[in-house]
Amino acid sequence: MANEVIGINYSQADDEIKRIEEGISNLHTNFGLIDKATNDIVNNAWKGKDAEAYKNSIDSFTEVLKKQTEGLTTLVNILKRQIDEDIAHEAEQAKNIQNK
């Protein structure tokens, strides 16, 4: 086990990051659909305090999800930056080895 190499397959990492980004995009689309559906219900089909309470509840839940999505976006950006730094570092190390 001492000879095992720890590393990353950058292509696979990039594929996984793209899947996360696609999920984030889908979440944003769904936020819009939820907002539209909620507004349609409250503005057209359901009136009164119960309707407003429902809308407020949905809006609150949606805001929590939006903040979580922002966190995922931040994570994706950190991962991308780390991968770029690692690739650059590995290239520099390879260059230094060749120059010896």
PDB file of N, CA and C in Angstrom:
ATOM      1  N   MET A   1       0.811  -1.203   0.000  1.00  0.00           N
ATOM      2  CA  MET A   1       0.000   0.000   0.000  1.00  0.00           C
ATOM      3  C   MET A   1       0.855   1.267   0.000  1.00  0.00           C
ATOM      4  N   ALA A   2       2.060   1.186   0.417  1.00  0.00           N
ATOM      5  CA  ALA A   2       2.924   2.353   0.474  1.00  0.00           C
ATOM      6  C   ALA A   2       3.231   2.897  -0.919  1.00  0.00           C
ATOM      7  N   ASN A   3       3.099   2.064  -1.942  1.00  0.00           N
ATOM      8  CA  ASN A   3       3.401   2.485  -3.303  1.00  0.00           C
ATOM      9  C   ASN A   3       2.191   3.048  -4.042  1.00  0.00           C
ATOM     10  N   GLU A   4       1.051   3.108  -3.393  1.00  0.00           N
ATOM     11  CA  GLU A   4      -0.142   3.639  -4.052  1.00  0.00           C
ATOM     12  C   GLU A   4       0.017   5.131  -4.300  1.00  0.00           C
ATOM     13  N   VAL A   5      -0.443   5.551  -5.439  1.00  0.00           N
ATOM     14  CA  VAL A   5      -0.370   6.957  -5.804  1.00  0.00           C
ATOM     15  C   VAL A   5      -1.743   7.575  -5.599  1.00  0.00           C
ATOM     16  N   ILE A   6      -1.754   8.709  -4.952  1.00  0.00           N
ATOM     17  CA  ILE A   6      -2.994   9.463  -4.782  1.00  0.00           C
ATOM     18  C   ILE A   6      -3.033  10.511  -5.883  1.00  0.00           C
ATOM     19  N   GLY A   7      -4.117  10.570  -6.603  1.00  0.00           N
ATOM     20  CA  GLY A   7      -4.185  11.518  -7.700  1.00  0.00           C
ATOM     21  C   GLY A   7      -5.616  11.776  -8.115  1.00  0.00           C
ATOM     22  N   ILE A   8      -5.728  12.486  -9.202  1.00  0.00           N
ATOM     23  CA  ILE A   8      -7.044  12.843  -9.711  1.00  0.00           C
ATOM     24  C   ILE A   8      -7.044  12.692 -11.224  1.00  0.00           C
ATOM     25  N   ASN A   9      -8.145  12.230 -11.737  1.00  0.00           N
ATOM     26  CA  ASN A   9      -8.356  12.186 -13.168  1.00  0.00           C
ATOM     27  C   ASN A   9      -9.102  13.478 -13.519  1.00  0.00           C
ATOM     28  N   TYR A  10      -8.375  14.421 -14.116  1.00  0.00           N
ATOM     29  CA  TYR A  10      -8.946  15.746 -14.356  1.00  0.00           C
ATOM     30  C   TYR A  10     -10.147  15.703 -15.297  1.00  0.00           C
ATOM     31  N   SER A  11     -10.118  14.810 -16.247  1.00  0.00           N
ATOM     32  CA  SER A  11     -11.234  14.683 -17.183  1.00  0.00           C
ATOM     33  C   SER A  11     -12.502  14.234 -16.451  1.00  0.00           C
ATOM     34  N   GLN A  12     -12.354  13.238 -15.593  1.00  0.00           N
ATOM     35  CA  GLN A  12     -13.512  12.773 -14.817  1.00  0.00           C
ATOM     36  C   GLN A  12     -14.004  13.857 -13.869  1.00  0.00           C
ATOM     37  N   ALA A  13     -13.071  14.563 -13.243  1.00  0.00           N
ATOM     38  CA  ALA A  13     -13.456  15.651 -12.336  1.00  0.00           C
ATOM     39  C   ALA A  13     -14.232  16.719 -13.095  1.00  0.00           C
ATOM     40  N   ASP A  14     -13.766  17.055 -14.286  1.00  0.00           N
ATOM     41  CA  ASP A  14     -14.452  18.048 -15.102  1.00  0.00           C
ATOM     42  C   ASP A  14     -15.855  17.579 -15.481  1.00  0.00           C
ATOM     43  N   ASP A  15     -15.980  16.294 -15.816  1.00  0.00           N
ATOM     44  CA  ASP A  15     -17.305  15.744 -16.139  1.00  0.00           C
ATOM     45  C   ASP A  15     -18.253  15.853 -14.947  1.00  0.00           C
ATOM     46  N   GLU A  16     -17.756  15.540 -13.761  1.00  0.00           N
ATOM     47  CA  GLU A  16     -18.590  15.616 -12.556  1.00  0.00           C
ATOM     48  C   GLU A  16     -18.973  17.058 -12.238  1.00  0.00           C
ATOM     49  N   ILE A  17     -18.041  17.974 -12.431  1.00  0.00           N
ATOM     50  CA  ILE A  17     -18.339  19.395 -12.208  1.00  0.00           C
ATOM     51  C   ILE A  17     -19.423  19.851 -13.180  1.00  0.00           C
ATOM     52  N   LYS A  18     -19.345  19.409 -14.418  1.00  0.00           N
ATOM     53  CA  LYS A  18     -20.375  19.774 -15.409  1.00  0.00           C
ATOM     54  C   LYS A  18     -21.739  19.225 -15.000  1.00  0.00           C
ATOM     55  N   ARG A  19     -21.761  18.020 -14.433  1.00  0.00           N
ATOM     56  CA  ARG A  19     -23.030  17.449 -13.960  1.00  0.00           C
ATOM     57  C   ARG A  19     -23.605  18.287 -12.816  1.00  0.00           C
ATOM     58  N   ILE A  20     -22.742  18.734 -11.916  1.00  0.00           N
ATOM     59  CA  ILE A  20     -23.202  19.586 -10.810  1.00  0.00           C
ATOM     60  C   ILE A  20     -23.734  20.907 -11.360  1.00  0.00           C
ATOM     61  N   GLU A  21     -23.011  21.483 -12.320  1.00  0.00           N
ATOM     62  CA  GLU A  21     -23.463  22.743 -12.921  1.00  0.00           C
ATOM     63  C   GLU A  21     -24.808  22.572 -13.621  1.00  0.00           C
ATOM     64  N   GLU A  22     -25.003  21.447 -14.266  1.00  0.00           N
ATOM     65  CA  GLU A  22     -26.292  21.165 -14.911  1.00  0.00           C
ATOM     66  C   GLU A  22     -27.402  21.079 -13.858  1.00  0.00           C
ATOM     67  N   GLY A  23     -27.094  20.436 -12.748  1.00  0.00           N
ATOM     68  CA  GLY A  23     -28.065  20.354 -11.655  1.00  0.00           C
ATOM     69  C   GLY A  23     -28.409  21.726 -11.099  1.00  0.00           C
ATOM     70  N   ILE A  24     -27.405  22.566 -10.961  1.00  0.00           N
ATOM     71  CA  ILE A  24     -27.629  23.934 -10.480  1.00  0.00           C
ATOM     72  C   ILE A  24     -28.526  24.689 -11.458  1.00  0.00           C
ATOM     73  N   SER A  25     -28.255  24.542 -12.742  1.00  0.00           N
ATOM     74  CA  SER A  25     -29.081  25.191 -13.763  1.00  0.00           C
ATOM     75  C   SER A  25     -30.524  24.697 -13.686  1.00  0.00           C
ATOM     76  N   ASN A  26     -30.692  23.393 -13.502  1.00  0.00           N
ATOM     77  CA  ASN A  26     -32.042  22.834 -13.363  1.00  0.00           C
ATOM     78  C   ASN A  26     -32.753  23.384 -12.138  1.00  0.00           C
ATOM     79  N   LEU A  27     -32.014  23.541 -11.053  1.00  0.00           N
ATOM     80  CA  LEU A  27     -32.616  24.120  -9.846  1.00  0.00           C
ATOM     81  C   LEU A  27     -33.117  25.533 -10.120  1.00  0.00           C
ATOM     82  N   HIS A  28     -32.307  26.340 -10.801  1.00  0.00           N
ATOM     83  CA  HIS A  28     -32.731  27.714 -11.124  1.00  0.00           C
ATOM     84  C   HIS A  28     -33.993  27.707 -11.991  1.00  0.00           C
ATOM     85  N   THR A  29     -34.050  26.809 -12.948  1.00  0.00           N
ATOM     86  CA  THR A  29     -35.248  26.689 -13.781  1.00  0.00           C
ATOM     87  C   THR A  29     -36.453  26.331 -12.916  1.00  0.00           C
ATOM     88  N   ASN A  30     -36.263  25.378 -12.018  1.00  0.00           N
ATOM     89  CA  ASN A  30     -37.371  24.953 -11.157  1.00  0.00           C
ATOM     90  C   ASN A  30     -37.812  26.043 -10.189  1.00  0.00           C
ATOM     91  N   PHE A  31     -36.875  26.873  -9.722  1.00  0.00           N
ATOM     92  CA  PHE A  31     -37.273  27.991  -8.858  1.00  0.00           C
ATOM     93  C   PHE A  31     -38.243  28.899  -9.599  1.00  0.00           C
ATOM     94  N   GLY A  32     -37.935  29.171 -10.859  1.00  0.00           N
ATOM     95  CA  GLY A  32     -38.819  30.006 -11.666  1.00  0.00           C
ATOM     96  C   GLY A  32     -40.181  29.372 -11.872  1.00  0.00           C
ATOM     97  N   LEU A  33     -40.203  28.076 -12.123  1.00  0.00           N
ATOM     98  CA  LEU A  33     -41.476  27.377 -12.314  1.00  0.00           C
ATOM     99  C   LEU A  33     -42.305  27.363 -11.032  1.00  0.00           C
ATOM    100  N   ILE A  34     -41.647  27.132  -9.911  1.00  0.00           N
ATOM    101  CA  ILE A  34     -42.349  27.136  -8.621  1.00  0.00           C
ATOM    102  C   ILE A  34     -42.922  28.517  -8.336  1.00  0.00           C
ATOM    103  N   ASP A  35     -42.126  29.547  -8.585  1.00  0.00           N
ATOM    104  CA  ASP A  35     -42.581  30.916  -8.346  1.00  0.00           C
ATOM    105  C   ASP A  35     -43.783  31.255  -9.227  1.00  0.00           C
ATOM    106  N   LYS A  36     -43.685  30.901 -10.492  1.00  0.00           N
ATOM    107  CA  LYS A  36     -44.795  31.184 -11.412  1.00  0.00           C
ATOM    108  C   LYS A  36     -46.053  30.426 -11.003  1.00  0.00           C
ATOM    109  N   ALA A  37     -45.916  29.146 -10.698  1.00  0.00           N
ATOM    110  CA  ALA A  37     -47.080  28.345 -10.310  1.00  0.00           C
ATOM    111  C   ALA A  37     -47.710  28.880  -9.025  1.00  0.00           C
ATOM    112  N   THR A  38     -46.876  29.236  -8.073  1.00  0.00           N
ATOM    113  CA  THR A  38     -47.391  29.774  -6.808  1.00  0.00           C
ATOM    114  C   THR A  38     -48.122  31.084  -7.037  1.00  0.00           C
ATOM    115  N   ASN A  39     -47.541  31.968  -7.819  1.00  0.00           N
ATOM    116  CA  ASN A  39     -48.196  33.249  -8.109  1.00  0.00           C
ATOM    117  C   ASN A  39     -49.499  33.046  -8.877  1.00  0.00           C
ATOM    118  N   ASP A  40     -49.510  32.117  -9.821  1.00  0.00           N
ATOM    119  CA  ASP A  40     -50.736  31.837 -10.567  1.00  0.00           C
ATOM    120  C   ASP A  40     -51.844  31.361  -9.633  1.00  0.00           C
ATOM    121  N   ILE A  41     -51.491  30.471  -8.718  1.00  0.00           N
ATOM    122  CA  ILE A  41     -52.493  29.952  -7.777  1.00  0.00           C
ATOM    123  C   ILE A  41     -53.019  31.069  -6.888  1.00  0.00           C
ATOM    124  N   VAL A  42     -52.094  31.831  -6.316  1.00  0.00           N
ATOM    125  CA  VAL A  42     -52.502  32.874  -5.360  1.00  0.00           C
ATOM    126  C   VAL A  42     -53.212  34.031  -6.057  1.00  0.00           C
ATOM    127  N   ASN A  43     -52.804  34.372  -7.258  1.00  0.00           N
ATOM    128  CA  ASN A  43     -53.409  35.506  -7.955  1.00  0.00           C
ATOM    129  C   ASN A  43     -54.706  35.160  -8.672  1.00  0.00           C
ATOM    130  N   ASN A  44     -54.904  33.878  -9.008  1.00  0.00           N
ATOM    131  CA  ASN A  44     -56.057  33.538  -9.829  1.00  0.00           C
ATOM    132  C   ASN A  44     -57.052  32.585  -9.171  1.00  0.00           C
ATOM    133  N   ALA A  45     -56.574  31.630  -8.419  1.00  0.00           N
ATOM    134  CA  ALA A  45     -57.463  30.573  -7.964  1.00  0.00           C
ATOM    135  C   ALA A  45     -57.727  30.570  -6.467  1.00  0.00           C
ATOM    136  N   TRP A  46     -56.848  31.163  -5.717  1.00  0.00           N
ATOM    137  CA  TRP A  46     -56.952  31.023  -4.266  1.00  0.00           C
ATOM    138  C   TRP A  46     -56.729  32.387  -3.639  1.00  0.00           C
ATOM    139  N   LYS A  47     -57.675  32.856  -2.893  1.00  0.00           N
ATOM    140  CA  LYS A  47     -57.591  34.192  -2.284  1.00  0.00           C
ATOM    141  C   LYS A  47     -57.690  34.073  -0.768  1.00  0.00           C
ATOM    142  N   GLY A  48     -57.193  35.074  -0.103  1.00  0.00           N
ATOM    143  CA  GLY A  48     -57.353  35.144   1.342  1.00  0.00           C
ATOM    144  C   GLY A  48     -56.062  34.897   2.103  1.00  0.00           C
ATOM    145  N   LYS A  49     -56.221  34.873   3.434  1.00  0.00           N
ATOM    146  CA  LYS A  49     -55.073  34.727   4.318  1.00  0.00           C
ATOM    147  C   LYS A  49     -54.370  33.388   4.138  1.00  0.00           C
ATOM    148  N   ASP A  50     -55.131  32.341   3.905  1.00  0.00           N
ATOM    149  CA  ASP A  50     -54.525  31.025   3.691  1.00  0.00           C
ATOM    150  C   ASP A  50     -53.634  31.027   2.448  1.00  0.00           C
ATOM    151  N   ALA A  51     -54.105  31.693   1.402  1.00  0.00           N
ATOM    152  CA  ALA A  51     -53.328  31.759   0.169  1.00  0.00           C
ATOM    153  C   ALA A  51     -52.026  32.517   0.397  1.00  0.00           C
ATOM    154  N   GLU A  52     -52.105  33.616   1.116  1.00  0.00           N
ATOM    155  CA  GLU A  52     -50.894  34.399   1.416  1.00  0.00           C
ATOM    156  C   GLU A  52     -49.936  33.609   2.300  1.00  0.00           C
ATOM    157  N   ALA A  53     -50.469  32.887   3.275  1.00  0.00           N
ATOM    158  CA  ALA A  53     -49.624  32.057   4.139  1.00  0.00           C
ATOM    159  C   ALA A  53     -48.926  30.973   3.316  1.00  0.00           C
ATOM    160  N   TYR A  54     -49.667  30.376   2.404  1.00  0.00           N
ATOM    161  CA  TYR A  54     -49.098  29.360   1.519  1.00  0.00           C
ATOM    162  C   TYR A  54     -47.968  29.952   0.690  1.00  0.00           C
ATOM    163  N   LYS A  55     -48.234  31.112   0.079  1.00  0.00           N
ATOM    164  CA  LYS A  55     -47.231  31.776  -0.752  1.00  0.00           C
ATOM    165  C   LYS A  55     -45.997  32.117   0.062  1.00  0.00           C
ATOM    166  N   ASN A  56     -46.192  32.655   1.250  1.00  0.00           N
ATOM    167  CA  ASN A  56     -45.057  33.007   2.107  1.00  0.00           C
ATOM    168  C   ASN A  56     -44.233  31.777   2.479  1.00  0.00           C
ATOM    169  N   SER A  57     -44.915  30.679   2.736  1.00  0.00           N
ATOM    170  CA  SER A  57     -44.227  29.433   3.073  1.00  0.00           C
ATOM    171  C   SER A  57     -43.399  28.933   1.893  1.00  0.00           C
ATOM    172  N   ILE A  58     -43.987  28.931   0.715  1.00  0.00           N
ATOM    173  CA  ILE A  58     -43.276  28.494  -0.489  1.00  0.00           C
ATOM    174  C   ILE A  58     -42.107  29.427  -0.772  1.00  0.00           C
ATOM    175  N   ASP A  59     -42.319  30.728  -0.657  1.00  0.00           N
ATOM    176  CA  ASP A  59     -41.248  31.704  -0.892  1.00  0.00           C
ATOM    177  C   ASP A  59     -40.089  31.492   0.078  1.00  0.00           C
ATOM    178  N   SER A  60     -40.419  31.220   1.331  1.00  0.00           N
ATOM    179  CA  SER A  60     -39.385  30.988   2.343  1.00  0.00           C
ATOM    180  C   SER A  60     -38.571  29.736   2.018  1.00  0.00           C
ATOM    181  N   PHE A  61     -39.262  28.670   1.665  1.00  0.00           N
ATOM    182  CA  PHE A  61     -38.597  27.425   1.303  1.00  0.00           C
ATOM    183  C   PHE A  61     -37.717  27.619   0.075  1.00  0.00           C
ATOM    184  N   THR A  62     -38.233  28.341  -0.909  1.00  0.00           N
ATOM    185  CA  THR A  62     -37.479  28.598  -2.135  1.00  0.00           C
ATOM    186  C   THR A  62     -36.221  29.403  -1.833  1.00  0.00           C
ATOM    187  N   GLU A  63     -36.309  30.360  -0.936  1.00  0.00           N
ATOM    188  CA  GLU A  63     -35.130  31.158  -0.568  1.00  0.00           C
ATOM    189  C   GLU A  63     -34.046  30.290   0.061  1.00  0.00           C
ATOM    190  N   VAL A  64     -34.436  29.344   0.902  1.00  0.00           N
ATOM    191  CA  VAL A  64     -33.468  28.417   1.501  1.00  0.00           C
ATOM    192  C   VAL A  64     -32.784  27.609   0.405  1.00  0.00           C
ATOM    193  N   LEU A  65     -33.557  27.111  -0.541  1.00  0.00           N
ATOM    194  CA  LEU A  65     -32.984  26.338  -1.642  1.00  0.00           C
ATOM    195  C   LEU A  65     -32.056  27.192  -2.504  1.00  0.00           C
ATOM    196  N   LYS A  66     -32.418  28.443  -2.729  1.00  0.00           N
ATOM    197  CA  LYS A  66     -31.564  29.341  -3.516  1.00  0.00           C
ATOM    198  C   LYS A  66     -30.223  29.549  -2.814  1.00  0.00           C
ATOM    199  N   LYS A  67     -30.245  29.710  -1.503  1.00  0.00           N
ATOM    200  CA  LYS A  67     -28.994  29.887  -0.753  1.00  0.00           C
ATOM    201  C   LYS A  67     -28.143  28.626  -0.815  1.00  0.00           C
ATOM    202  N   GLN A  68     -28.775  27.468  -0.751  1.00  0.00           N
ATOM    203  CA  GLN A  68     -28.032  26.219  -0.878  1.00  0.00           C
ATOM    204  C   GLN A  68     -27.437  26.099  -2.275  1.00  0.00           C
ATOM    205  N   THR A  69     -28.171  26.545  -3.268  1.00  0.00           N
ATOM    206  CA  THR A  69     -27.674  26.515  -4.642  1.00  0.00           C
ATOM    207  C   THR A  69     -26.484  27.453  -4.793  1.00  0.00           C
ATOM    208  N   GLU A  70     -26.540  28.610  -4.144  1.00  0.00           N
ATOM    209  CA  GLU A  70     -25.401  29.532  -4.162  1.00  0.00           C
ATOM    210  C   GLU A  70     -24.175  28.860  -3.545  1.00  0.00           C
ATOM    211  N   GLY A  71     -24.396  28.091  -2.471  1.00  0.00           N
ATOM    212  CA  GLY A  71     -23.297  27.358  -1.844  1.00  0.00           C
ATOM    213  C   GLY A  71     -22.694  26.330  -2.794  1.00  0.00           C
ATOM    214  N   LEU A  72     -23.541  25.641  -3.541  1.00  0.00           N
ATOM    215  CA  LEU A  72     -23.047  24.679  -4.534  1.00  0.00           C
ATOM    216  C   LEU A  72     -22.242  25.379  -5.625  1.00  0.00           C
ATOM    217  N   THR A  73     -22.709  26.529  -6.040  1.00  0.00           N
ATOM    218  CA  THR A  73     -21.999  27.295  -7.062  1.00  0.00           C
ATOM    219  C   THR A  73     -20.630  27.709  -6.546  1.00  0.00           C
ATOM    220  N   THR A  74     -20.564  28.142  -5.306  1.00  0.00           N
ATOM    221  CA  THR A  74     -19.285  28.503  -4.691  1.00  0.00           C
ATOM    222  C   THR A  74     -18.356  27.295  -4.649  1.00  0.00           C
ATOM    223  N   LEU A  75     -18.895  26.151  -4.267  1.00  0.00           N
ATOM    224  CA  LEU A  75     -18.102  24.931  -4.219  1.00  0.00           C
ATOM    225  C   LEU A  75     -17.560  24.565  -5.594  1.00  0.00           C
ATOM    226  N   VAL A  76     -18.387  24.644  -6.605  1.00  0.00           N
ATOM    227  CA  VAL A  76     -17.951  24.340  -7.977  1.00  0.00           C
ATOM    228  C   VAL A  76     -16.809  25.273  -8.378  1.00  0.00           C
ATOM    229  N   ASN A  77     -16.945  26.547  -8.059  1.00  0.00           N
ATOM    230  CA  ASN A  77     -15.899  27.508  -8.414  1.00  0.00           C
ATOM    231  C   ASN A  77     -14.588  27.203  -7.684  1.00  0.00           C
ATOM    232  N   ILE A  78     -14.680  26.792  -6.426  1.00  0.00           N
ATOM    233  CA  ILE A  78     -13.486  26.410  -5.665  1.00  0.00           C
ATOM    234  C   ILE A  78     -12.833  25.190  -6.303  1.00  0.00           C
ATOM    235  N   LEU A  79     -13.641  24.193  -6.654  1.00  0.00           N
ATOM    236  CA  LEU A  79     -13.100  22.991  -7.283  1.00  0.00           C
ATOM    237  C   LEU A  79     -12.415  23.303  -8.606  1.00  0.00           C
ATOM    238  N   LYS A  80     -13.045  24.130  -9.419  1.00  0.00           N
ATOM    239  CA  LYS A  80     -12.457  24.503 -10.706  1.00  0.00           C
ATOM    240  C   LYS A  80     -11.110  25.207 -10.510  1.00  0.00           C
ATOM    241  N   ARG A  81     -11.096  26.143  -9.581  1.00  0.00           N
ATOM    242  CA  ARG A  81      -9.869  26.888  -9.302  1.00  0.00           C
ATOM    243  C   ARG A  81      -8.765  25.954  -8.799  1.00  0.00           C
ATOM    244  N   GLN A  82      -9.132  25.014  -7.919  1.00  0.00           N
ATOM    245  CA  GLN A  82      -8.147  24.070  -7.390  1.00  0.00           C
ATOM    246  C   GLN A  82      -7.586  23.179  -8.491  1.00  0.00           C
ATOM    247  N   ILE A  83      -8.454  22.712  -9.364  1.00  0.00           N
ATOM    248  CA  ILE A  83      -7.999  21.875 -10.479  1.00  0.00           C
ATOM    249  C   ILE A  83      -7.053  22.660 -11.381  1.00  0.00           C
ATOM    250  N   ASP A  84      -7.405  23.899 -11.691  1.00  0.00           N
ATOM    251  CA  ASP A  84      -6.531  24.732 -12.520  1.00  0.00           C
ATOM    252  C   ASP A  84      -5.163  24.921 -11.859  1.00  0.00           C
ATOM    253  N   GLU A  85      -5.168  25.176 -10.547  1.00  0.00           N
ATOM    254  CA  GLU A  85      -3.910  25.349  -9.821  1.00  0.00           C
ATOM    255  C   GLU A  85      -3.092  24.060  -9.818  1.00  0.00           C
ATOM    256  N   ASP A  86      -3.762  22.936  -9.630  1.00  0.00           N
ATOM    257  CA  ASP A  86      -3.055  21.651  -9.617  1.00  0.00           C
ATOM    258  C   ASP A  86      -2.444  21.338 -10.975  1.00  0.00           C
ATOM    259  N   ILE A  87      -3.186  21.580 -12.035  1.00  0.00           N
ATOM    260  CA  ILE A  87      -2.671  21.335 -13.389  1.00  0.00           C
ATOM    261  C   ILE A  87      -1.456  22.215 -13.646  1.00  0.00           C
ATOM    262  N   ALA A  88      -1.549  23.489 -13.270  1.00  0.00           N
ATOM    263  CA  ALA A  88      -0.432  24.411 -13.467  1.00  0.00           C
ATOM    264  C   ALA A  88       0.783  23.971 -12.645  1.00  0.00           C
ATOM    265  N   HIS A  89       0.545  23.536 -11.429  1.00  0.00           N
ATOM    266  CA  HIS A  89       1.639  23.076 -10.557  1.00  0.00           C
ATOM    267  C   HIS A  89       2.307  21.835 -11.147  1.00  0.00           C
ATOM    268  N   GLU A  90       1.505  20.896 -11.620  1.00  0.00           N
ATOM    269  CA  GLU A  90       2.061  19.680 -12.218  1.00  0.00           C
ATOM    270  C   GLU A  90       2.861  20.012 -13.480  1.00  0.00           C
ATOM    271  N   ALA A  91       2.377  20.940 -14.266  1.00  0.00           N
ATOM    272  CA  ALA A  91       3.100  21.344 -15.478  1.00  0.00           C
ATOM    273  C   ALA A  91       4.433  21.991 -15.110  1.00  0.00           C
ATOM    274  N   GLU A  92       4.428  22.796 -14.096  1.00  0.00           N
ATOM    275  CA  GLU A  92       5.665  23.446 -13.643  1.00  0.00           C
ATOM    276  C   GLU A  92       6.661  22.414 -13.122  1.00  0.00           C
ATOM    277  N   GLN A  93       6.165  21.436 -12.371  1.00  0.00           N
ATOM    278  CA  GLN A  93       7.047  20.382 -11.875  1.00  0.00           C
ATOM    279  C   GLN A  93       7.636  19.585 -13.034  1.00  0.00           C
ATOM    280  N   ALA A  94       6.833  19.251 -14.013  1.00  0.00           N
ATOM    281  CA  ALA A  94       7.311  18.505 -15.179  1.00  0.00           C
ATOM    282  C   ALA A  94       8.363  19.314 -15.934  1.00  0.00           C
ATOM    283  N   LYS A  95       8.138  20.599 -16.061  1.00  0.00           N
ATOM    284  CA  LYS A  95       9.081  21.487 -16.741  1.00  0.00           C
ATOM    285  C   LYS A  95      10.406  21.518 -15.987  1.00  0.00           C
ATOM    286  N   ASN A  96      10.336  21.603 -14.671  1.00  0.00           N
ATOM    287  CA  ASN A  96      11.555  21.630 -13.854  1.00  0.00           C
ATOM    288  C   ASN A  96      12.333  20.340 -13.962  1.00  0.00           C
ATOM    289  N   ILE A  97      11.639  19.233 -14.026  1.00  0.00           N
ATOM    290  CA  ILE A  97      12.302  17.926 -14.160  1.00  0.00           C
ATOM    291  C   ILE A  97      13.001  17.823 -15.512  1.00  0.00           C
ATOM    292  N   GLN A  98      12.352  18.317 -16.558  1.00  0.00           N
ATOM    293  CA  GLN A  98      12.937  18.259 -17.904  1.00  0.00           C
ATOM    294  C   GLN A  98      14.166  19.155 -18.018  1.00  0.00           C
ATOM    295  N   ASN A  99      14.181  20.233 -17.256  1.00  0.00           N
ATOM    296  CA  ASN A  99      15.289  21.178 -17.334  1.00  0.00           C
ATOM    297  C   ASN A  99      16.498  20.760 -16.509  1.00  0.00           C
ATOM    298  N   LYS A 100      16.407  19.666 -15.782  1.00  0.00           N
ATOM    299  CA  LYS A 100      17.528  19.226 -14.934  1.00  0.00           C
ATOM    300  C   LYS A 100      18.523  18.438 -15.736  1.00  0.00           C
TER     301      LYS A 100
END
